[in-house]
């Protein structure tokens, strides 16, 4: 596995998923590669079936609407990513999975909160780490691929100590903060969190 869509399709096959939500369609390349019965896309500027913000989407769908797998790749800012994760958890099937893109920025400029051209990962990593510090009711890892693909499932995890986050702290604690795992290790462990 090298690309996010390969990971998503792997999880769809592994768990027999039938429904998919993608937040942040952009050019639609990832969305087009997903092989599943029902797929919805949300993006205020994308070519998708819900042309709106993810906040508006979640306000307007039924409380009973669930998805087996959700891919979060919308606005790459911590506050928005956390909203997208919390909303997705509220609409995730019991055996569902959330995949987050851009969790492992490899250079400081990519982790900037200011939107810029090029490979911008934003502060997604901060949202992921905050969840590792505060949510014991989910299981989380980041696969070391495609700028870091975070995987979240309902379960449990040991919380990491609460800290004020900075990129230099991430560099020193990347493996611990992200529960960073190679694709090979993930697959050899039966793709379990």
N, C-alpha and C. Protein backbone atom coordinates (compact mmCIF):
# COMPACT_ATOMS: atom_id res chain seq x y z
N UNK A 1 0.84 -1.19 0.00
CA UNK A 1 0.00 0.00 0.00
C UNK A 1 0.88 1.24 0.00
N UNK A 2 0.55 2.12 -0.93
CA UNK A 2 1.31 3.36 -1.04
C UNK A 2 0.40 4.58 -0.95
N UNK A 3 -0.83 4.46 -1.45
CA UNK A 3 -1.71 5.61 -1.52
C UNK A 3 -2.93 5.45 -0.62
N UNK A 4 -3.52 6.57 -0.22
CA UNK A 4 -4.67 6.54 0.70
C UNK A 4 -5.83 5.71 0.15
N UNK A 5 -6.11 5.80 -1.15
CA UNK A 5 -7.24 5.03 -1.69
C UNK A 5 -6.99 3.53 -1.60
N UNK A 6 -5.72 3.12 -1.66
CA UNK A 6 -5.41 1.69 -1.50
C UNK A 6 -5.72 1.24 -0.07
N UNK A 7 -5.39 2.08 0.91
CA UNK A 7 -5.71 1.77 2.30
C UNK A 7 -7.22 1.70 2.50
N UNK A 8 -7.94 2.68 1.98
CA UNK A 8 -9.40 2.71 2.14
C UNK A 8 -10.03 1.48 1.50
N UNK A 9 -9.62 1.15 0.29
CA UNK A 9 -10.16 -0.04 -0.38
C UNK A 9 -9.79 -1.33 0.36
N UNK A 10 -8.60 -1.37 0.95
CA UNK A 10 -8.20 -2.52 1.76
C UNK A 10 -9.16 -2.69 2.95
N UNK A 11 -9.45 -1.58 3.65
CA UNK A 11 -10.35 -1.64 4.81
C UNK A 11 -11.77 -2.00 4.39
N UNK A 12 -12.22 -1.48 3.26
CA UNK A 12 -13.55 -1.83 2.73
C UNK A 12 -13.64 -3.34 2.51
N UNK A 13 -12.62 -3.90 1.90
CA UNK A 13 -12.60 -5.33 1.62
C UNK A 13 -12.49 -6.14 2.92
N UNK A 14 -11.59 -5.73 3.80
CA UNK A 14 -11.36 -6.47 5.06
C UNK A 14 -12.62 -6.57 5.90
N UNK A 15 -13.37 -5.48 6.00
CA UNK A 15 -14.54 -5.45 6.88
C UNK A 15 -15.87 -5.61 6.14
N UNK A 16 -15.84 -5.72 4.84
CA UNK A 16 -17.08 -5.87 4.08
C UNK A 16 -17.96 -4.63 4.13
N UNK A 17 -17.33 -3.48 4.12
CA UNK A 17 -18.07 -2.21 4.21
C UNK A 17 -18.93 -1.97 2.98
N UNK A 18 -20.04 -1.25 3.19
CA UNK A 18 -20.98 -0.95 2.11
C UNK A 18 -21.19 0.55 1.89
N UNK A 19 -20.82 1.40 2.87
CA UNK A 19 -21.09 2.84 2.73
C UNK A 19 -19.85 3.66 3.10
N UNK A 20 -19.64 4.72 2.32
CA UNK A 20 -18.41 5.53 2.42
C UNK A 20 -18.76 7.01 2.34
N UNK A 21 -18.10 7.80 3.19
CA UNK A 21 -18.21 9.25 3.14
C UNK A 21 -16.82 9.83 3.02
N UNK A 22 -16.65 10.74 2.06
CA UNK A 22 -15.37 11.44 1.92
C UNK A 22 -15.60 12.92 2.17
N UNK A 23 -14.87 13.47 3.12
CA UNK A 23 -14.94 14.89 3.45
C UNK A 23 -13.71 15.56 2.84
N UNK A 24 -13.95 16.43 1.86
CA UNK A 24 -12.85 17.09 1.15
C UNK A 24 -12.50 16.35 -0.12
N UNK A 25 -13.22 16.63 -1.19
CA UNK A 25 -13.06 15.90 -2.44
C UNK A 25 -11.89 16.42 -3.27
N UNK A 26 -11.66 17.73 -3.23
CA UNK A 26 -10.62 18.38 -4.04
C UNK A 26 -10.84 18.04 -5.51
N UNK A 27 -9.89 17.42 -6.18
CA UNK A 27 -10.02 17.12 -7.61
C UNK A 27 -10.75 15.80 -7.88
N UNK A 28 -11.13 15.09 -6.86
CA UNK A 28 -11.92 13.87 -7.02
C UNK A 28 -11.13 12.62 -7.35
N UNK A 29 -9.81 12.71 -7.40
CA UNK A 29 -9.00 11.55 -7.78
C UNK A 29 -9.16 10.42 -6.77
N UNK A 30 -9.05 10.72 -5.48
CA UNK A 30 -9.20 9.68 -4.46
C UNK A 30 -10.61 9.09 -4.50
N UNK A 31 -11.61 9.95 -4.54
CA UNK A 31 -13.01 9.53 -4.52
C UNK A 31 -13.31 8.56 -5.67
N UNK A 32 -12.76 8.85 -6.83
CA UNK A 32 -13.01 8.02 -8.01
C UNK A 32 -12.44 6.60 -7.85
N UNK A 33 -11.41 6.45 -7.05
CA UNK A 33 -10.74 5.15 -6.88
C UNK A 33 -11.42 4.24 -5.85
N UNK A 34 -12.36 4.77 -5.08
CA UNK A 34 -12.97 3.99 -4.01
C UNK A 34 -14.01 3.03 -4.58
N UNK A 35 -13.87 1.76 -4.22
CA UNK A 35 -14.75 0.70 -4.72
C UNK A 35 -15.70 0.28 -3.60
N UNK A 36 -16.95 0.77 -3.66
CA UNK A 36 -17.93 0.49 -2.62
C UNK A 36 -19.33 0.74 -3.18
N UNK A 37 -20.33 0.11 -2.57
CA UNK A 37 -21.71 0.23 -3.04
C UNK A 37 -22.25 1.66 -2.98
N UNK A 38 -22.11 2.30 -1.82
CA UNK A 38 -22.67 3.64 -1.63
C UNK A 38 -21.56 4.58 -1.19
N UNK A 39 -21.39 5.66 -1.94
CA UNK A 39 -20.38 6.64 -1.53
C UNK A 39 -20.91 8.04 -1.69
N UNK A 40 -20.66 8.85 -0.67
CA UNK A 40 -21.04 10.25 -0.65
C UNK A 40 -19.80 11.10 -0.51
N UNK A 41 -19.82 12.26 -1.17
CA UNK A 41 -18.72 13.20 -1.06
C UNK A 41 -19.22 14.55 -0.64
N UNK A 42 -18.43 15.22 0.22
CA UNK A 42 -18.79 16.54 0.75
C UNK A 42 -17.63 17.49 0.51
N UNK A 43 -17.91 18.60 -0.15
CA UNK A 43 -16.90 19.62 -0.38
C UNK A 43 -17.60 20.88 -0.87
N UNK A 44 -17.30 22.04 -0.28
CA UNK A 44 -17.99 23.26 -0.75
C UNK A 44 -17.62 23.66 -2.17
N UNK A 45 -16.49 23.13 -2.69
CA UNK A 45 -16.06 23.50 -4.04
C UNK A 45 -15.76 22.29 -4.91
N UNK A 46 -16.10 21.10 -4.45
CA UNK A 46 -15.72 19.90 -5.17
C UNK A 46 -16.80 19.39 -6.10
N UNK A 47 -16.42 18.43 -6.91
CA UNK A 47 -17.36 17.75 -7.80
C UNK A 47 -17.88 16.53 -7.04
N UNK A 48 -18.98 16.75 -6.31
CA UNK A 48 -19.49 15.70 -5.43
C UNK A 48 -20.99 15.86 -5.28
N UNK A 49 -21.61 14.95 -4.55
CA UNK A 49 -23.07 15.03 -4.41
C UNK A 49 -23.53 15.93 -3.28
N UNK A 50 -22.62 16.39 -2.40
CA UNK A 50 -22.99 17.36 -1.35
C UNK A 50 -22.03 18.54 -1.44
N UNK A 51 -22.45 19.57 -2.18
CA UNK A 51 -21.61 20.75 -2.36
C UNK A 51 -21.92 21.71 -1.22
N UNK A 52 -21.23 21.51 -0.11
CA UNK A 52 -21.43 22.30 1.11
C UNK A 52 -20.28 22.00 2.06
N UNK A 53 -20.21 22.73 3.15
CA UNK A 53 -19.19 22.45 4.15
C UNK A 53 -19.57 21.17 4.90
N UNK A 54 -18.59 20.56 5.51
CA UNK A 54 -18.87 19.36 6.31
C UNK A 54 -19.76 19.70 7.50
N UNK A 55 -19.59 20.89 8.09
CA UNK A 55 -20.46 21.30 9.20
C UNK A 55 -21.93 21.32 8.75
N UNK A 56 -22.19 21.92 7.59
CA UNK A 56 -23.56 21.97 7.07
C UNK A 56 -24.08 20.58 6.74
N UNK A 57 -23.22 19.75 6.18
CA UNK A 57 -23.63 18.39 5.84
C UNK A 57 -24.11 17.65 7.09
N UNK A 58 -23.31 17.69 8.15
CA UNK A 58 -23.69 16.96 9.36
C UNK A 58 -24.92 17.55 10.05
N UNK A 59 -25.12 18.85 9.90
CA UNK A 59 -26.34 19.47 10.47
C UNK A 59 -27.59 19.00 9.73
N UNK A 60 -27.44 18.66 8.47
CA UNK A 60 -28.60 18.37 7.63
C UNK A 60 -28.90 16.90 7.40
N UNK A 61 -28.04 15.99 7.85
CA UNK A 61 -28.36 14.58 7.64
C UNK A 61 -29.09 14.03 8.87
N UNK A 62 -29.80 12.98 8.65
CA UNK A 62 -30.55 12.32 9.72
C UNK A 62 -29.61 11.80 10.80
N UNK A 63 -30.06 11.87 12.04
CA UNK A 63 -29.27 11.34 13.16
C UNK A 63 -29.02 9.85 13.01
N UNK A 64 -29.89 9.17 12.27
CA UNK A 64 -29.76 7.72 12.07
C UNK A 64 -28.82 7.36 10.93
N UNK A 65 -28.43 8.33 10.10
CA UNK A 65 -27.54 8.06 8.96
C UNK A 65 -26.17 7.63 9.47
N UNK A 66 -25.70 6.47 9.02
CA UNK A 66 -24.37 6.01 9.40
C UNK A 66 -23.56 5.66 8.15
N UNK A 67 -22.26 5.64 8.34
CA UNK A 67 -21.32 5.23 7.31
C UNK A 67 -20.38 4.19 7.91
N UNK A 68 -19.97 3.24 7.07
CA UNK A 68 -19.03 2.22 7.52
C UNK A 68 -17.61 2.76 7.55
N UNK A 69 -17.30 3.63 6.62
CA UNK A 69 -15.95 4.19 6.56
C UNK A 69 -16.04 5.65 6.13
N UNK A 70 -15.28 6.50 6.81
CA UNK A 70 -15.25 7.94 6.54
C UNK A 70 -13.80 8.33 6.30
N UNK A 71 -13.57 9.08 5.23
CA UNK A 71 -12.23 9.61 4.94
C UNK A 71 -12.27 11.12 5.14
N UNK A 72 -11.42 11.62 6.03
CA UNK A 72 -11.37 13.05 6.35
C UNK A 72 -10.14 13.67 5.71
N UNK A 73 -10.40 14.57 4.75
CA UNK A 73 -9.32 15.27 4.06
C UNK A 73 -9.81 16.66 3.66
N UNK A 74 -10.57 17.28 4.57
CA UNK A 74 -11.13 18.61 4.31
C UNK A 74 -10.15 19.70 4.70
N UNK A 75 -10.65 20.73 5.36
CA UNK A 75 -9.81 21.84 5.80
C UNK A 75 -8.80 21.32 6.83
N UNK A 76 -7.52 21.51 6.55
CA UNK A 76 -6.45 20.89 7.34
C UNK A 76 -6.09 21.70 8.58
N UNK A 77 -7.07 22.16 9.31
CA UNK A 77 -6.83 22.91 10.54
C UNK A 77 -7.40 22.15 11.72
N UNK A 78 -6.66 22.10 12.80
CA UNK A 78 -6.99 21.30 13.98
C UNK A 78 -8.46 21.42 14.39
N UNK A 79 -8.95 22.64 14.53
CA UNK A 79 -10.32 22.84 15.02
C UNK A 79 -11.34 22.19 14.10
N UNK A 80 -11.17 22.35 12.78
CA UNK A 80 -12.11 21.77 11.83
C UNK A 80 -11.97 20.25 11.77
N UNK A 81 -10.75 19.77 11.83
CA UNK A 81 -10.53 18.32 11.80
C UNK A 81 -11.20 17.67 13.01
N UNK A 82 -11.06 18.29 14.18
CA UNK A 82 -11.71 17.74 15.37
C UNK A 82 -13.23 17.72 15.21
N UNK A 83 -13.81 18.78 14.64
CA UNK A 83 -15.25 18.77 14.38
C UNK A 83 -15.62 17.63 13.44
N UNK A 84 -14.82 17.46 12.39
CA UNK A 84 -15.10 16.39 11.42
C UNK A 84 -14.99 15.01 12.06
N UNK A 85 -14.01 14.82 12.95
CA UNK A 85 -13.87 13.53 13.62
C UNK A 85 -15.06 13.29 14.55
N UNK A 86 -15.40 14.27 15.38
CA UNK A 86 -16.52 14.09 16.32
C UNK A 86 -17.83 13.83 15.57
N UNK A 87 -18.08 14.60 14.52
CA UNK A 87 -19.29 14.37 13.72
C UNK A 87 -19.27 13.00 13.06
N UNK A 88 -18.13 12.60 12.56
CA UNK A 88 -18.01 11.29 11.91
C UNK A 88 -18.23 10.17 12.91
N UNK A 89 -17.69 10.30 14.11
CA UNK A 89 -17.91 9.28 15.14
C UNK A 89 -19.39 9.13 15.46
N UNK A 90 -20.12 10.25 15.44
CA UNK A 90 -21.56 10.20 15.71
C UNK A 90 -22.35 9.50 14.60
N UNK A 91 -21.75 9.39 13.42
CA UNK A 91 -22.43 8.77 12.27
C UNK A 91 -21.68 7.55 11.75
N UNK A 92 -20.85 6.96 12.62
CA UNK A 92 -20.05 5.80 12.23
C UNK A 92 -20.74 4.52 12.68
N UNK A 93 -20.82 3.55 11.80
CA UNK A 93 -21.39 2.25 12.17
C UNK A 93 -20.53 1.63 13.28
N UNK A 94 -21.10 0.67 13.99
CA UNK A 94 -20.41 0.09 15.16
C UNK A 94 -19.05 -0.49 14.83
N UNK A 95 -18.90 -1.08 13.67
CA UNK A 95 -17.62 -1.67 13.26
C UNK A 95 -16.89 -0.76 12.27
N UNK A 96 -17.24 0.52 12.28
CA UNK A 96 -16.72 1.45 11.28
C UNK A 96 -15.31 1.94 11.53
N UNK A 97 -14.78 2.61 10.52
CA UNK A 97 -13.42 3.13 10.55
C UNK A 97 -13.40 4.55 9.99
N UNK A 98 -12.62 5.40 10.62
CA UNK A 98 -12.32 6.73 10.09
C UNK A 98 -10.86 6.72 9.64
N UNK A 99 -10.61 7.24 8.46
CA UNK A 99 -9.24 7.43 7.97
C UNK A 99 -9.03 8.92 7.80
N UNK A 100 -7.92 9.42 8.33
CA UNK A 100 -7.57 10.84 8.23
C UNK A 100 -6.29 10.98 7.42
N UNK A 101 -6.29 11.93 6.52
CA UNK A 101 -5.08 12.18 5.73
C UNK A 101 -4.26 13.30 6.37
N UNK A 102 -2.97 13.36 6.04
CA UNK A 102 -2.08 14.45 6.44
C UNK A 102 -1.72 14.47 7.91
N UNK A 103 -1.64 13.31 8.53
CA UNK A 103 -1.35 13.24 9.97
C UNK A 103 0.15 13.26 10.31
N UNK A 104 1.02 13.12 9.32
CA UNK A 104 2.45 13.00 9.61
C UNK A 104 3.26 13.95 8.73
N UNK A 105 3.21 15.25 9.04
CA UNK A 105 3.99 16.21 8.23
C UNK A 105 5.49 15.99 8.44
N UNK A 106 6.22 15.86 7.35
CA UNK A 106 7.64 15.53 7.47
C UNK A 106 8.55 16.75 7.53
N UNK A 107 7.98 17.93 7.30
CA UNK A 107 8.76 19.16 7.40
C UNK A 107 7.90 20.21 8.08
N UNK A 108 8.54 21.10 8.83
CA UNK A 108 7.82 22.08 9.63
C UNK A 108 6.91 22.97 8.78
N UNK A 109 7.38 23.41 7.61
CA UNK A 109 6.57 24.32 6.80
C UNK A 109 5.27 23.66 6.33
N UNK A 110 5.26 22.34 6.21
CA UNK A 110 4.04 21.64 5.82
C UNK A 110 3.01 21.62 6.94
N UNK A 111 3.48 21.80 8.18
CA UNK A 111 2.61 21.74 9.36
C UNK A 111 2.14 23.13 9.79
N UNK A 112 2.28 24.10 8.93
CA UNK A 112 1.88 25.47 9.25
C UNK A 112 0.36 25.60 9.29
N UNK A 113 -0.17 26.42 10.22
CA UNK A 113 -1.61 26.67 10.22
C UNK A 113 -2.05 27.59 9.08
N UNK A 114 -1.10 28.26 8.43
CA UNK A 114 -1.42 29.13 7.31
C UNK A 114 -1.48 28.31 6.03
N UNK A 115 -2.57 28.44 5.30
CA UNK A 115 -2.74 27.73 4.04
C UNK A 115 -1.72 28.24 3.03
N UNK A 116 -1.03 27.33 2.36
CA UNK A 116 -0.07 27.73 1.33
C UNK A 116 -0.05 26.70 0.22
N UNK A 117 0.51 27.11 -0.90
CA UNK A 117 0.62 26.21 -2.05
C UNK A 117 1.62 25.10 -1.75
N UNK A 118 1.52 24.07 -2.50
CA UNK A 118 2.44 22.95 -2.31
C UNK A 118 1.85 21.91 -1.39
N UNK A 119 2.70 21.09 -0.83
CA UNK A 119 2.28 20.01 0.06
C UNK A 119 2.00 20.57 1.44
N UNK A 120 0.74 20.89 1.70
CA UNK A 120 0.34 21.48 2.98
C UNK A 120 -0.45 20.46 3.79
N UNK A 121 0.09 20.09 4.93
CA UNK A 121 -0.58 19.15 5.83
C UNK A 121 -1.34 19.87 6.93
N UNK A 122 -1.01 21.13 7.15
CA UNK A 122 -1.70 21.92 8.16
C UNK A 122 -1.49 21.37 9.56
N UNK A 123 -2.50 21.55 10.40
CA UNK A 123 -2.40 21.14 11.80
C UNK A 123 -3.26 19.89 12.08
N UNK A 124 -3.41 19.06 11.06
CA UNK A 124 -4.14 17.80 11.23
C UNK A 124 -3.48 16.96 12.32
N UNK A 125 -2.15 16.93 12.33
CA UNK A 125 -1.43 16.12 13.31
C UNK A 125 -1.80 16.54 14.74
N UNK A 126 -2.02 17.83 14.97
CA UNK A 126 -2.38 18.30 16.31
C UNK A 126 -3.75 17.76 16.73
N UNK A 127 -4.68 17.71 15.79
CA UNK A 127 -6.00 17.14 16.09
C UNK A 127 -5.84 15.67 16.46
N UNK A 128 -5.05 14.94 15.70
CA UNK A 128 -4.84 13.52 15.96
C UNK A 128 -4.25 13.32 17.35
N UNK A 129 -3.22 14.09 17.69
CA UNK A 129 -2.56 13.95 18.99
C UNK A 129 -3.49 14.36 20.12
N UNK A 130 -4.29 15.39 19.92
CA UNK A 130 -5.25 15.78 20.96
C UNK A 130 -6.21 14.62 21.25
N UNK A 131 -6.65 13.93 20.23
CA UNK A 131 -7.51 12.77 20.43
C UNK A 131 -6.78 11.65 21.17
N UNK A 132 -5.48 11.51 20.93
CA UNK A 132 -4.68 10.51 21.65
C UNK A 132 -4.51 10.89 23.13
N UNK A 133 -4.65 12.19 23.44
CA UNK A 133 -4.52 12.66 24.82
C UNK A 133 -5.85 12.65 25.57
N UNK A 134 -6.99 12.63 24.83
CA UNK A 134 -8.28 12.87 25.49
C UNK A 134 -9.34 11.80 25.30
N UNK A 135 -9.20 10.92 24.33
CA UNK A 135 -10.28 9.96 24.02
C UNK A 135 -9.82 8.53 24.26
N UNK A 136 -10.16 7.98 25.41
CA UNK A 136 -9.79 6.60 25.72
C UNK A 136 -10.75 5.60 25.09
N UNK A 137 -11.83 6.08 24.48
CA UNK A 137 -12.87 5.19 23.92
C UNK A 137 -12.67 4.87 22.45
N UNK A 138 -11.51 5.23 21.89
CA UNK A 138 -11.21 4.93 20.49
C UNK A 138 -9.79 4.35 20.41
N UNK A 139 -9.51 3.66 19.31
CA UNK A 139 -8.17 3.14 19.03
C UNK A 139 -7.63 3.90 17.83
N UNK A 140 -6.34 4.26 17.87
CA UNK A 140 -5.78 5.13 16.83
C UNK A 140 -4.35 4.73 16.47
N UNK A 141 -4.05 4.78 15.19
CA UNK A 141 -2.68 4.67 14.71
C UNK A 141 -2.54 5.57 13.48
N UNK A 142 -1.30 5.88 13.15
CA UNK A 142 -0.99 6.54 11.88
C UNK A 142 -0.08 5.61 11.10
N UNK A 143 -0.50 5.30 9.87
CA UNK A 143 0.37 4.52 8.99
C UNK A 143 1.35 5.47 8.32
N UNK A 144 2.61 5.07 8.29
CA UNK A 144 3.67 5.88 7.72
C UNK A 144 3.63 5.75 6.20
N UNK A 145 2.65 6.42 5.61
CA UNK A 145 2.45 6.39 4.16
C UNK A 145 1.69 7.64 3.74
N UNK A 146 1.88 8.12 2.54
CA UNK A 146 1.05 9.17 1.94
C UNK A 146 0.79 10.33 2.91
N UNK A 147 1.84 10.90 3.47
CA UNK A 147 1.78 12.02 4.43
C UNK A 147 1.09 11.66 5.74
N UNK A 148 1.00 10.38 6.04
CA UNK A 148 0.43 9.92 7.30
C UNK A 148 -1.06 9.70 7.21
N UNK A 149 -1.47 8.45 7.17
CA UNK A 149 -2.90 8.11 7.15
C UNK A 149 -3.29 7.60 8.53
N UNK A 150 -4.03 8.43 9.25
CA UNK A 150 -4.51 8.06 10.56
C UNK A 150 -5.72 7.16 10.46
N UNK A 151 -5.78 6.18 11.34
CA UNK A 151 -6.91 5.26 11.38
C UNK A 151 -7.51 5.33 12.79
N UNK A 152 -8.83 5.52 12.84
CA UNK A 152 -9.54 5.60 14.12
C UNK A 152 -10.68 4.58 14.08
N UNK A 153 -10.78 3.80 15.14
CA UNK A 153 -11.89 2.86 15.30
C UNK A 153 -12.38 2.94 16.74
N UNK A 154 -13.64 2.60 16.94
CA UNK A 154 -14.16 2.53 18.31
C UNK A 154 -13.41 1.42 19.03
N UNK A 155 -13.08 1.64 20.28
CA UNK A 155 -12.31 0.67 21.04
C UNK A 155 -11.78 1.30 22.30
N UNK A 156 -10.49 1.14 22.54
CA UNK A 156 -9.87 1.80 23.69
C UNK A 156 -8.40 1.99 23.43
N UNK A 157 -7.86 2.99 24.10
CA UNK A 157 -6.44 3.27 24.00
C UNK A 157 -5.97 3.87 25.31
N UNK A 158 -4.70 3.66 25.58
CA UNK A 158 -4.07 4.30 26.73
C UNK A 158 -3.76 5.74 26.32
N UNK A 159 -4.20 6.69 27.13
CA UNK A 159 -3.98 8.09 26.80
C UNK A 159 -2.52 8.46 26.97
N UNK A 160 -2.04 9.33 26.09
CA UNK A 160 -0.69 9.86 26.26
C UNK A 160 -0.81 11.13 27.10
N UNK A 161 0.28 11.52 27.77
CA UNK A 161 0.21 12.69 28.65
C UNK A 161 -0.17 13.97 27.90
N UNK A 162 -1.01 14.78 28.53
CA UNK A 162 -1.41 16.06 27.95
C UNK A 162 -0.22 17.01 27.95
N UNK A 163 -0.02 17.64 26.79
CA UNK A 163 1.10 18.56 26.63
C UNK A 163 0.70 19.70 25.71
N UNK A 164 1.42 20.79 25.80
CA UNK A 164 1.25 21.88 24.84
C UNK A 164 2.04 21.47 23.60
N UNK A 165 1.35 21.39 22.47
CA UNK A 165 1.96 20.84 21.27
C UNK A 165 2.74 21.87 20.48
N UNK A 166 3.84 21.41 19.91
CA UNK A 166 4.65 22.20 18.98
C UNK A 166 5.26 21.23 17.99
N UNK A 167 5.67 21.74 16.85
CA UNK A 167 6.26 20.85 15.85
C UNK A 167 7.56 20.23 16.36
N UNK A 168 8.35 20.97 17.13
CA UNK A 168 9.59 20.40 17.67
C UNK A 168 9.29 19.26 18.64
N UNK A 169 8.20 19.36 19.39
CA UNK A 169 7.79 18.26 20.28
C UNK A 169 7.35 17.05 19.46
N UNK A 170 6.65 17.29 18.34
CA UNK A 170 6.28 16.19 17.46
C UNK A 170 7.52 15.48 16.93
N UNK A 171 8.52 16.25 16.51
CA UNK A 171 9.74 15.64 15.97
C UNK A 171 10.41 14.73 16.99
N UNK A 172 10.37 15.11 18.27
CA UNK A 172 10.99 14.31 19.33
C UNK A 172 10.15 13.11 19.73
N UNK A 173 8.84 13.18 19.51
CA UNK A 173 7.92 12.15 20.01
C UNK A 173 7.00 11.58 18.93
N UNK A 174 7.43 11.62 17.70
CA UNK A 174 6.58 11.25 16.56
C UNK A 174 5.97 9.85 16.73
N UNK A 175 6.78 8.87 17.07
CA UNK A 175 6.29 7.49 17.19
C UNK A 175 5.23 7.39 18.29
N UNK A 176 5.49 7.99 19.44
CA UNK A 176 4.55 7.95 20.56
C UNK A 176 3.29 8.75 20.25
N UNK A 177 3.44 9.99 19.82
CA UNK A 177 2.29 10.88 19.60
C UNK A 177 1.33 10.32 18.55
N UNK A 178 1.89 9.82 17.46
CA UNK A 178 1.05 9.37 16.35
C UNK A 178 0.75 7.87 16.39
N UNK A 179 1.40 7.17 17.32
CA UNK A 179 1.35 5.71 17.30
C UNK A 179 1.72 5.26 15.88
N UNK A 180 2.82 5.84 15.40
CA UNK A 180 3.28 5.67 14.02
C UNK A 180 3.70 4.23 13.75
N UNK A 181 3.14 3.67 12.68
CA UNK A 181 3.32 2.27 12.35
C UNK A 181 3.60 2.14 10.86
N UNK A 182 4.51 1.27 10.50
CA UNK A 182 4.77 1.02 9.08
C UNK A 182 3.62 0.19 8.50
N UNK A 183 3.44 0.29 7.21
CA UNK A 183 2.41 -0.50 6.54
C UNK A 183 2.71 -1.98 6.73
N UNK A 184 3.97 -2.35 6.62
CA UNK A 184 4.36 -3.75 6.78
C UNK A 184 3.98 -4.27 8.17
N UNK A 185 4.28 -3.48 9.19
CA UNK A 185 3.95 -3.88 10.57
C UNK A 185 2.43 -3.98 10.76
N UNK A 186 1.69 -3.03 10.19
CA UNK A 186 0.23 -3.02 10.28
C UNK A 186 -0.35 -4.29 9.66
N UNK A 187 0.13 -4.64 8.47
CA UNK A 187 -0.39 -5.82 7.77
C UNK A 187 0.03 -7.11 8.48
N UNK A 188 1.26 -7.15 9.00
CA UNK A 188 1.73 -8.36 9.68
C UNK A 188 1.01 -8.57 11.01
N UNK A 189 0.41 -7.50 11.54
CA UNK A 189 -0.36 -7.59 12.78
C UNK A 189 -1.84 -7.86 12.48
N UNK A 190 -2.15 -8.26 11.28
CA UNK A 190 -3.54 -8.55 10.91
C UNK A 190 -4.37 -7.30 10.72
N UNK A 191 -3.71 -6.16 10.49
CA UNK A 191 -4.38 -4.86 10.28
C UNK A 191 -5.23 -4.49 11.51
N UNK A 192 -4.73 -4.83 12.69
CA UNK A 192 -5.44 -4.47 13.93
C UNK A 192 -4.82 -3.23 14.53
N UNK A 193 -5.64 -2.47 15.23
CA UNK A 193 -5.14 -1.28 15.93
C UNK A 193 -4.65 -1.67 17.31
